[in-house]
Amino acid sequence: MAMAVEELEALIKAAFPDAEVVIQDMRGDGDHYAATVVSAAFKGKNRVQQHQMVYAALKGKMGGQLHALALETKVPAGA
C-alpha cells in the first residue's frame, strides 16, 4: 500500500500547523519519501525527539503504508 504525498503532508500539518513541509517521492512508488519539516514546535528538542514527534504525527502509518522516510527537521530561524 502506498501513501500519497498529500496524505503525508496533511498528517504532518495537522500535528504542526506552523510547519513548512517539503516532501519528495524518492522512487516514484509512494513508499519512499524524503521530507523536510521546519516548525517552532521543535525548539529545545534534540534531533531524535524532533523525529519522534514527526513519527507520532504519522499515526502508525510508518512501516505500513509508508515504507521509508528520510527525515530532516529544523527549527525556523529566529524561533
PDB file of N, CA and C in Angstrom:
ATOM      1  N   MET A   1       0.841  -1.189   0.000  1.00  0.00           N
ATOM      2  CA  MET A   1       0.000   0.000   0.000  1.00  0.00           C
ATOM      3  C   MET A   1       0.877   1.240   0.000  1.00  0.00           C
ATOM      4  N   ALA A   2       0.606   2.130  -0.894  1.00  0.00           N
ATOM      5  CA  ALA A   2       1.354   3.376  -0.978  1.00  0.00           C
ATOM      6  C   ALA A   2       0.599   4.500  -0.273  1.00  0.00           C
ATOM      7  N   MET A   3       1.317   5.561   0.026  1.00  0.00           N
ATOM      8  CA  MET A   3       0.723   6.737   0.651  1.00  0.00           C
ATOM      9  C   MET A   3       0.947   7.930  -0.271  1.00  0.00           C
ATOM     10  N   ALA A   4      -0.093   8.693  -0.518  1.00  0.00           N
ATOM     11  CA  ALA A   4       0.020   9.884  -1.356  1.00  0.00           C
ATOM     12  C   ALA A   4       0.774  10.987  -0.618  1.00  0.00           C
ATOM     13  N   VAL A   5       1.513  11.776  -1.365  1.00  0.00           N
ATOM     14  CA  VAL A   5       2.251  12.908  -0.793  1.00  0.00           C
ATOM     15  C   VAL A   5       1.296  13.812  -0.013  1.00  0.00           C
ATOM     16  N   GLU A   6       0.119  14.033  -0.563  1.00  0.00           N
ATOM     17  CA  GLU A   6      -0.860  14.915   0.080  1.00  0.00           C
ATOM     18  C   GLU A   6      -1.292  14.385   1.446  1.00  0.00           C
ATOM     19  N   GLU A   7      -1.436  13.080   1.555  1.00  0.00           N
ATOM     20  CA  GLU A   7      -1.821  12.489   2.842  1.00  0.00           C
ATOM     21  C   GLU A   7      -0.699  12.635   3.858  1.00  0.00           C
ATOM     22  N   LEU A   8       0.519  12.390   3.428  1.00  0.00           N
ATOM     23  CA  LEU A   8       1.675  12.528   4.305  1.00  0.00           C
ATOM     24  C   LEU A   8       1.788  13.965   4.797  1.00  0.00           C
ATOM     25  N   GLU A   9       1.678  14.912   3.882  1.00  0.00           N
ATOM     26  CA  GLU A   9       1.768  16.322   4.257  1.00  0.00           C
ATOM     27  C   GLU A   9       0.628  16.708   5.196  1.00  0.00           C
ATOM     28  N   ALA A  10      -0.574  16.231   4.942  1.00  0.00           N
ATOM     29  CA  ALA A  10      -1.733  16.557   5.785  1.00  0.00           C
ATOM     30  C   ALA A  10      -1.538  16.059   7.215  1.00  0.00           C
ATOM     31  N   LEU A  11      -0.991  14.868   7.376  1.00  0.00           N
ATOM     32  CA  LEU A  11      -0.740  14.331   8.718  1.00  0.00           C
ATOM     33  C   LEU A  11       0.268  15.189   9.470  1.00  0.00           C
ATOM     34  N   ILE A  12       1.321  15.591   8.782  1.00  0.00           N
ATOM     35  CA  ILE A  12       2.352  16.420   9.417  1.00  0.00           C
ATOM     36  C   ILE A  12       1.792  17.796   9.753  1.00  0.00           C
ATOM     37  N   LYS A  13       1.053  18.397   8.822  1.00  0.00           N
ATOM     38  CA  LYS A  13       0.489  19.732   9.044  1.00  0.00           C
ATOM     39  C   LYS A  13      -0.569  19.717  10.157  1.00  0.00           C
ATOM     40  N   ALA A  14      -1.285  18.617  10.304  1.00  0.00           N
ATOM     41  CA  ALA A  14      -2.281  18.514  11.381  1.00  0.00           C
ATOM     42  C   ALA A  14      -1.602  18.582  12.749  1.00  0.00           C
ATOM     43  N   ALA A  15      -0.414  17.991  12.855  1.00  0.00           N
ATOM     44  CA  ALA A  15       0.315  17.984  14.118  1.00  0.00           C
ATOM     45  C   ALA A  15       1.127  19.260  14.327  1.00  0.00           C
ATOM     46  N   PHE A  16       1.576  19.857  13.226  1.00  0.00           N
ATOM     47  CA  PHE A  16       2.419  21.049  13.276  1.00  0.00           C
ATOM     48  C   PHE A  16       1.861  22.100  12.315  1.00  0.00           C
ATOM     49  N   PRO A  17       0.806  22.814  12.714  1.00  0.00           N
ATOM     50  CA  PRO A  17       0.141  23.751  11.798  1.00  0.00           C
ATOM     51  C   PRO A  17       1.064  24.840  11.250  1.00  0.00           C
ATOM     52  N   ASP A  18       2.104  25.198  11.991  1.00  0.00           N
ATOM     53  CA  ASP A  18       3.018  26.248  11.546  1.00  0.00           C
ATOM     54  C   ASP A  18       4.103  25.733  10.598  1.00  0.00           C
ATOM     55  N   ALA A  19       4.134  24.444  10.382  1.00  0.00           N
ATOM     56  CA  ALA A  19       5.260  23.819   9.687  1.00  0.00           C
ATOM     57  C   ALA A  19       5.356  24.178   8.213  1.00  0.00           C
ATOM     58  N   GLU A  20       6.597  24.322   7.787  1.00  0.00           N
ATOM     59  CA  GLU A  20       6.917  24.336   6.366  1.00  0.00           C
ATOM     60  C   GLU A  20       7.305  22.899   6.053  1.00  0.00           C
ATOM     61  N   VAL A  21       6.631  22.289   5.104  1.00  0.00           N
ATOM     62  CA  VAL A  21       6.857  20.878   4.794  1.00  0.00           C
ATOM     63  C   VAL A  21       7.211  20.742   3.312  1.00  0.00           C
ATOM     64  N   VAL A  22       8.340  20.096   3.052  1.00  0.00           N
ATOM     65  CA  VAL A  22       8.747  19.801   1.680  1.00  0.00           C
ATOM     66  C   VAL A  22       8.933  18.294   1.596  1.00  0.00           C
ATOM     67  N   ILE A  23       8.232  17.657   0.655  1.00  0.00           N
ATOM     68  CA  ILE A  23       8.275  16.199   0.528  1.00  0.00           C
ATOM     69  C   ILE A  23       8.656  15.822  -0.891  1.00  0.00           C
ATOM     70  N   GLN A  24       9.563  14.858  -1.000  1.00  0.00           N
ATOM     71  CA  GLN A  24       9.959  14.307  -2.290  1.00  0.00           C
ATOM     72  C   GLN A  24       9.677  12.816  -2.297  1.00  0.00           C
ATOM     73  N   ASP A  25       9.078  12.328  -3.371  1.00  0.00           N
ATOM     74  CA  ASP A  25       8.897  10.892  -3.569  1.00  0.00           C
ATOM     75  C   ASP A  25      10.193  10.399  -4.208  1.00  0.00           C
ATOM     76  N   MET A  26      10.988   9.673  -3.453  1.00  0.00           N
ATOM     77  CA  MET A  26      12.340   9.308  -3.878  1.00  0.00           C
ATOM     78  C   MET A  26      12.371   8.306  -5.033  1.00  0.00           C
ATOM     79  N   ARG A  27      11.372   7.448  -5.114  1.00  0.00           N
ATOM     80  CA  ARG A  27      11.370   6.410  -6.146  1.00  0.00           C
ATOM     81  C   ARG A  27      10.153   6.454  -7.054  1.00  0.00           C
ATOM     82  N   GLY A  28       9.230   7.352  -6.771  1.00  0.00           N
ATOM     83  CA  GLY A  28       8.013   7.421  -7.570  1.00  0.00           C
ATOM     84  C   GLY A  28       7.023   6.308  -7.262  1.00  0.00           C
ATOM     85  N   ASP A  29       7.229   5.629  -6.116  1.00  0.00           N
ATOM     86  CA  ASP A  29       6.368   4.494  -5.774  1.00  0.00           C
ATOM     87  C   ASP A  29       5.417   4.769  -4.611  1.00  0.00           C
ATOM     88  N   GLY A  30       5.493   5.965  -4.017  1.00  0.00           N
ATOM     89  CA  GLY A  30       4.622   6.282  -2.896  1.00  0.00           C
ATOM     90  C   GLY A  30       4.992   5.574  -1.612  1.00  0.00           C
ATOM     91  N   ASP A  31       6.136   4.930  -1.588  1.00  0.00           N
ATOM     92  CA  ASP A  31       6.597   4.214  -0.389  1.00  0.00           C
ATOM     93  C   ASP A  31       7.891   4.777   0.194  1.00  0.00           C
ATOM     94  N   HIS A  32       8.634   5.518  -0.599  1.00  0.00           N
ATOM     95  CA  HIS A  32       9.950   6.010  -0.182  1.00  0.00           C
ATOM     96  C   HIS A  32      10.002   7.531  -0.355  1.00  0.00           C
ATOM     97  N   TYR A  33       9.929   8.234   0.773  1.00  0.00           N
ATOM     98  CA  TYR A  33       9.895   9.684   0.742  1.00  0.00           C
ATOM     99  C   TYR A  33      11.081  10.286   1.491  1.00  0.00           C
ATOM    100  N   ALA A  34      11.389  11.525   1.123  1.00  0.00           N
ATOM    101  CA  ALA A  34      12.289  12.374   1.893  1.00  0.00           C
ATOM    102  C   ALA A  34      11.461  13.589   2.280  1.00  0.00           C
ATOM    103  N   ALA A  35      11.527  13.989   3.532  1.00  0.00           N
ATOM    104  CA  ALA A  35      10.742  15.128   3.994  1.00  0.00           C
ATOM    105  C   ALA A  35      11.601  16.054   4.842  1.00  0.00           C
ATOM    106  N   THR A  36      11.406  17.339   4.622  1.00  0.00           N
ATOM    107  CA  THR A  36      11.991  18.365   5.476  1.00  0.00           C
ATOM    108  C   THR A  36      10.838  19.067   6.166  1.00  0.00           C
ATOM    109  N   VAL A  37      10.906  19.122   7.494  1.00  0.00           N
ATOM    110  CA  VAL A  37       9.845  19.739   8.286  1.00  0.00           C
ATOM    111  C   VAL A  37      10.473  20.817   9.161  1.00  0.00           C
ATOM    112  N   VAL A  38      10.009  22.045   9.000  1.00  0.00           N
ATOM    113  CA  VAL A  38      10.513  23.177   9.780  1.00  0.00           C
ATOM    114  C   VAL A  38       9.368  23.675  10.653  1.00  0.00           C
ATOM    115  N   SER A  39       9.553  23.605  11.973  1.00  0.00           N
ATOM    116  CA  SER A  39       8.482  24.004  12.886  1.00  0.00           C
ATOM    117  C   SER A  39       9.066  24.530  14.197  1.00  0.00           C
ATOM    118  N   ALA A  40       8.429  25.551  14.743  1.00  0.00           N
ATOM    119  CA  ALA A  40       8.820  26.090  16.039  1.00  0.00           C
ATOM    120  C   ALA A  40       8.584  25.070  17.159  1.00  0.00           C
ATOM    121  N   ALA A  41       7.741  24.076  16.922  1.00  0.00           N
ATOM    122  CA  ALA A  41       7.474  23.041  17.927  1.00  0.00           C
ATOM    123  C   ALA A  41       8.731  22.242  18.267  1.00  0.00           C
ATOM    124  N   PHE A  42       9.734  22.297  17.391  1.00  0.00           N
ATOM    125  CA  PHE A  42      10.965  21.544  17.611  1.00  0.00           C
ATOM    126  C   PHE A  42      11.963  22.279  18.507  1.00  0.00           C
ATOM    127  N   LYS A  43      11.684  23.538  18.816  1.00  0.00           N
ATOM    128  CA  LYS A  43      12.614  24.337  19.612  1.00  0.00           C
ATOM    129  C   LYS A  43      12.863  23.672  20.966  1.00  0.00           C
ATOM    130  N   GLY A  44      14.139  23.558  21.320  1.00  0.00           N
ATOM    131  CA  GLY A  44      14.520  22.967  22.598  1.00  0.00           C
ATOM    132  C   GLY A  44      14.559  21.446  22.597  1.00  0.00           C
ATOM    133  N   LYS A  45      14.222  20.834  21.476  1.00  0.00           N
ATOM    134  CA  LYS A  45      14.238  19.368  21.357  1.00  0.00           C
ATOM    135  C   LYS A  45      15.472  18.942  20.569  1.00  0.00           C
ATOM    136  N   ASN A  46      16.029  17.799  20.932  1.00  0.00           N
ATOM    137  CA  ASN A  46      17.145  17.284  20.147  1.00  0.00           C
ATOM    138  C   ASN A  46      16.595  16.601  18.891  1.00  0.00           C
ATOM    139  N   ARG A  47      17.476  16.246  17.995  1.00  0.00           N
ATOM    140  CA  ARG A  47      17.054  15.695  16.701  1.00  0.00           C
ATOM    141  C   ARG A  47      16.213  14.427  16.859  1.00  0.00           C
ATOM    142  N   VAL A  48      16.599  13.550  17.775  1.00  0.00           N
ATOM    143  CA  VAL A  48      15.837  12.315  17.988  1.00  0.00           C
ATOM    144  C   VAL A  48      14.420  12.644  18.458  1.00  0.00           C
ATOM    145  N   GLN A  49      14.292  13.573  19.390  1.00  0.00           N
ATOM    146  CA  GLN A  49      12.970  13.968  19.877  1.00  0.00           C
ATOM    147  C   GLN A  49      12.130  14.587  18.759  1.00  0.00           C
ATOM    148  N   GLN A  50      12.764  15.403  17.916  1.00  0.00           N
ATOM    149  CA  GLN A  50      12.061  16.020  16.790  1.00  0.00           C
ATOM    150  C   GLN A  50      11.521  14.948  15.844  1.00  0.00           C
ATOM    151  N   HIS A  51      12.360  13.979  15.528  1.00  0.00           N
ATOM    152  CA  HIS A  51      11.942  12.900  14.623  1.00  0.00           C
ATOM    153  C   HIS A  51      10.830  12.070  15.253  1.00  0.00           C
ATOM    154  N   GLN A  52      10.932  11.812  16.543  1.00  0.00           N
ATOM    155  CA  GLN A  52       9.878  11.063  17.224  1.00  0.00           C
ATOM    156  C   GLN A  52       8.544  11.805  17.161  1.00  0.00           C
ATOM    157  N   MET A  53       8.591  13.121  17.247  1.00  0.00           N
ATOM    158  CA  MET A  53       7.372  13.927  17.151  1.00  0.00           C
ATOM    159  C   MET A  53       6.728  13.766  15.766  1.00  0.00           C
ATOM    160  N   VAL A  54       7.555  13.768  14.730  1.00  0.00           N
ATOM    161  CA  VAL A  54       7.024  13.604  13.373  1.00  0.00           C
ATOM    162  C   VAL A  54       6.468  12.193  13.193  1.00  0.00           C
ATOM    163  N   TYR A  55       7.198  11.184  13.655  1.00  0.00           N
ATOM    164  CA  TYR A  55       6.704   9.809  13.529  1.00  0.00           C
ATOM    165  C   TYR A  55       5.380   9.640  14.276  1.00  0.00           C
ATOM    166  N   ALA A  56       5.243  10.280  15.431  1.00  0.00           N
ATOM    167  CA  ALA A  56       3.974  10.212  16.180  1.00  0.00           C
ATOM    168  C   ALA A  56       2.841  10.836  15.363  1.00  0.00           C
ATOM    169  N   ALA A  57       3.158  11.904  14.625  1.00  0.00           N
ATOM    170  CA  ALA A  57       2.150  12.566  13.791  1.00  0.00           C
ATOM    171  C   ALA A  57       1.665  11.666  12.659  1.00  0.00           C
ATOM    172  N   LEU A  58       2.473  10.691  12.281  1.00  0.00           N
ATOM    173  CA  LEU A  58       2.112   9.784  11.183  1.00  0.00           C
ATOM    174  C   LEU A  58       1.137   8.698  11.628  1.00  0.00           C
ATOM    175  N   LYS A  59       0.832   8.653  12.901  1.00  0.00           N
ATOM    176  CA  LYS A  59      -0.221   7.796  13.464  1.00  0.00           C
ATOM    177  C   LYS A  59      -0.104   6.332  13.054  1.00  0.00           C
ATOM    178  N   GLY A  60       1.094   5.772  13.190  1.00  0.00           N
ATOM    179  CA  GLY A  60       1.280   4.349  12.947  1.00  0.00           C
ATOM    180  C   GLY A  60       1.384   3.939  11.486  1.00  0.00           C
ATOM    181  N   LYS A  61       1.392   4.882  10.576  1.00  0.00           N
ATOM    182  CA  LYS A  61       1.461   4.533   9.151  1.00  0.00           C
ATOM    183  C   LYS A  61       2.883   4.179   8.709  1.00  0.00           C
ATOM    184  N   MET A  62       3.870   4.558   9.504  1.00  0.00           N
ATOM    185  CA  MET A  62       5.257   4.216   9.192  1.00  0.00           C
ATOM    186  C   MET A  62       5.423   2.710   9.313  1.00  0.00           C
ATOM    187  N   GLY A  63       5.979   2.086   8.295  1.00  0.00           N
ATOM    188  CA  GLY A  63       6.154   0.644   8.291  1.00  0.00           C
ATOM    189  C   GLY A  63       4.974  -0.096   7.677  1.00  0.00           C
ATOM    190  N   GLY A  64       3.873   0.619   7.472  1.00  0.00           N
ATOM    191  CA  GLY A  64       2.701   0.028   6.817  1.00  0.00           C
ATOM    192  C   GLY A  64       2.530   0.665   5.450  1.00  0.00           C
ATOM    193  N   GLN A  65       1.714   1.724   5.408  1.00  0.00           N
ATOM    194  CA  GLN A  65       1.514   2.453   4.159  1.00  0.00           C
ATOM    195  C   GLN A  65       2.777   3.167   3.717  1.00  0.00           C
ATOM    196  N   LEU A  66       3.584   3.553   4.663  1.00  0.00           N
ATOM    197  CA  LEU A  66       4.809   4.297   4.377  1.00  0.00           C
ATOM    198  C   LEU A  66       6.008   3.438   4.752  1.00  0.00           C
ATOM    199  N   HIS A  67       6.760   3.033   3.746  1.00  0.00           N
ATOM    200  CA  HIS A  67       7.867   2.111   3.970  1.00  0.00           C
ATOM    201  C   HIS A  67       9.122   2.816   4.471  1.00  0.00           C
ATOM    202  N   ALA A  68       9.475   3.956   3.869  1.00  0.00           N
ATOM    203  CA  ALA A  68      10.713   4.631   4.238  1.00  0.00           C
ATOM    204  C   ALA A  68      10.525   6.143   4.196  1.00  0.00           C
ATOM    205  N   LEU A  69      11.095   6.827   5.189  1.00  0.00           N
ATOM    206  CA  LEU A  69      11.040   8.272   5.249  1.00  0.00           C
ATOM    207  C   LEU A  69      12.384   8.811   5.700  1.00  0.00           C
ATOM    208  N   ALA A  70      13.094   9.464   4.791  1.00  0.00           N
ATOM    209  CA  ALA A  70      14.332  10.157   5.137  1.00  0.00           C
ATOM    210  C   ALA A  70      13.886  11.521   5.673  1.00  0.00           C
ATOM    211  N   LEU A  71      14.114  11.770   6.947  1.00  0.00           N
ATOM    212  CA  LEU A  71      13.533  12.917   7.620  1.00  0.00           C
ATOM    213  C   LEU A  71      14.604  13.920   8.033  1.00  0.00           C
ATOM    214  N   GLU A  72      14.331  15.186   7.751  1.00  0.00           N
ATOM    215  CA  GLU A  72      15.162  16.297   8.222  1.00  0.00           C
ATOM    216  C   GLU A  72      14.232  17.254   8.936  1.00  0.00           C
ATOM    217  N   THR A  73      14.561  17.584  10.170  1.00  0.00           N
ATOM    218  CA  THR A  73      13.747  18.510  10.938  1.00  0.00           C
ATOM    219  C   THR A  73      14.592  19.722  11.316  1.00  0.00           C
ATOM    220  N   LYS A  74      13.937  20.878  11.383  1.00  0.00           N
ATOM    221  CA  LYS A  74      14.636  22.114  11.710  1.00  0.00           C
ATOM    222  C   LYS A  74      13.715  23.035  12.497  1.00  0.00           C
ATOM    223  N   VAL A  75      14.341  23.909  13.257  1.00  0.00           N
ATOM    224  CA  VAL A  75      13.632  24.991  13.930  1.00  0.00           C
ATOM    225  C   VAL A  75      13.764  26.213  13.022  1.00  0.00           C
ATOM    226  N   PRO A  76      12.694  26.985  12.809  1.00  0.00           N
ATOM    227  CA  PRO A  76      12.813  28.166  11.951  1.00  0.00           C
ATOM    228  C   PRO A  76      13.794  29.177  12.518  1.00  0.00           C
ATOM    229  N   ALA A  77      14.460  29.882  11.645  1.00  0.00           N
ATOM    230  CA  ALA A  77      15.391  30.934  12.068  1.00  0.00           C
ATOM    231  C   ALA A  77      14.636  31.953  12.895  1.00  0.00           C
ATOM    232  N   GLY A  78      15.214  32.357  13.996  1.00  0.00           N
ATOM    233  CA  GLY A  78      14.594  33.365  14.842  1.00  0.00           C
ATOM    234  C   GLY A  78      13.602  32.820  15.852  1.00  0.00           C
ATOM    235  N   ALA A  79      13.381  31.511  15.846  1.00  0.00           N
ATOM    236  CA  ALA A  79      12.417  30.931  16.797  1.00  0.00           C
ATOM    237  C   ALA A  79      13.079  30.583  18.106  1.00  0.00           C
TER     238      ALA A  79
END
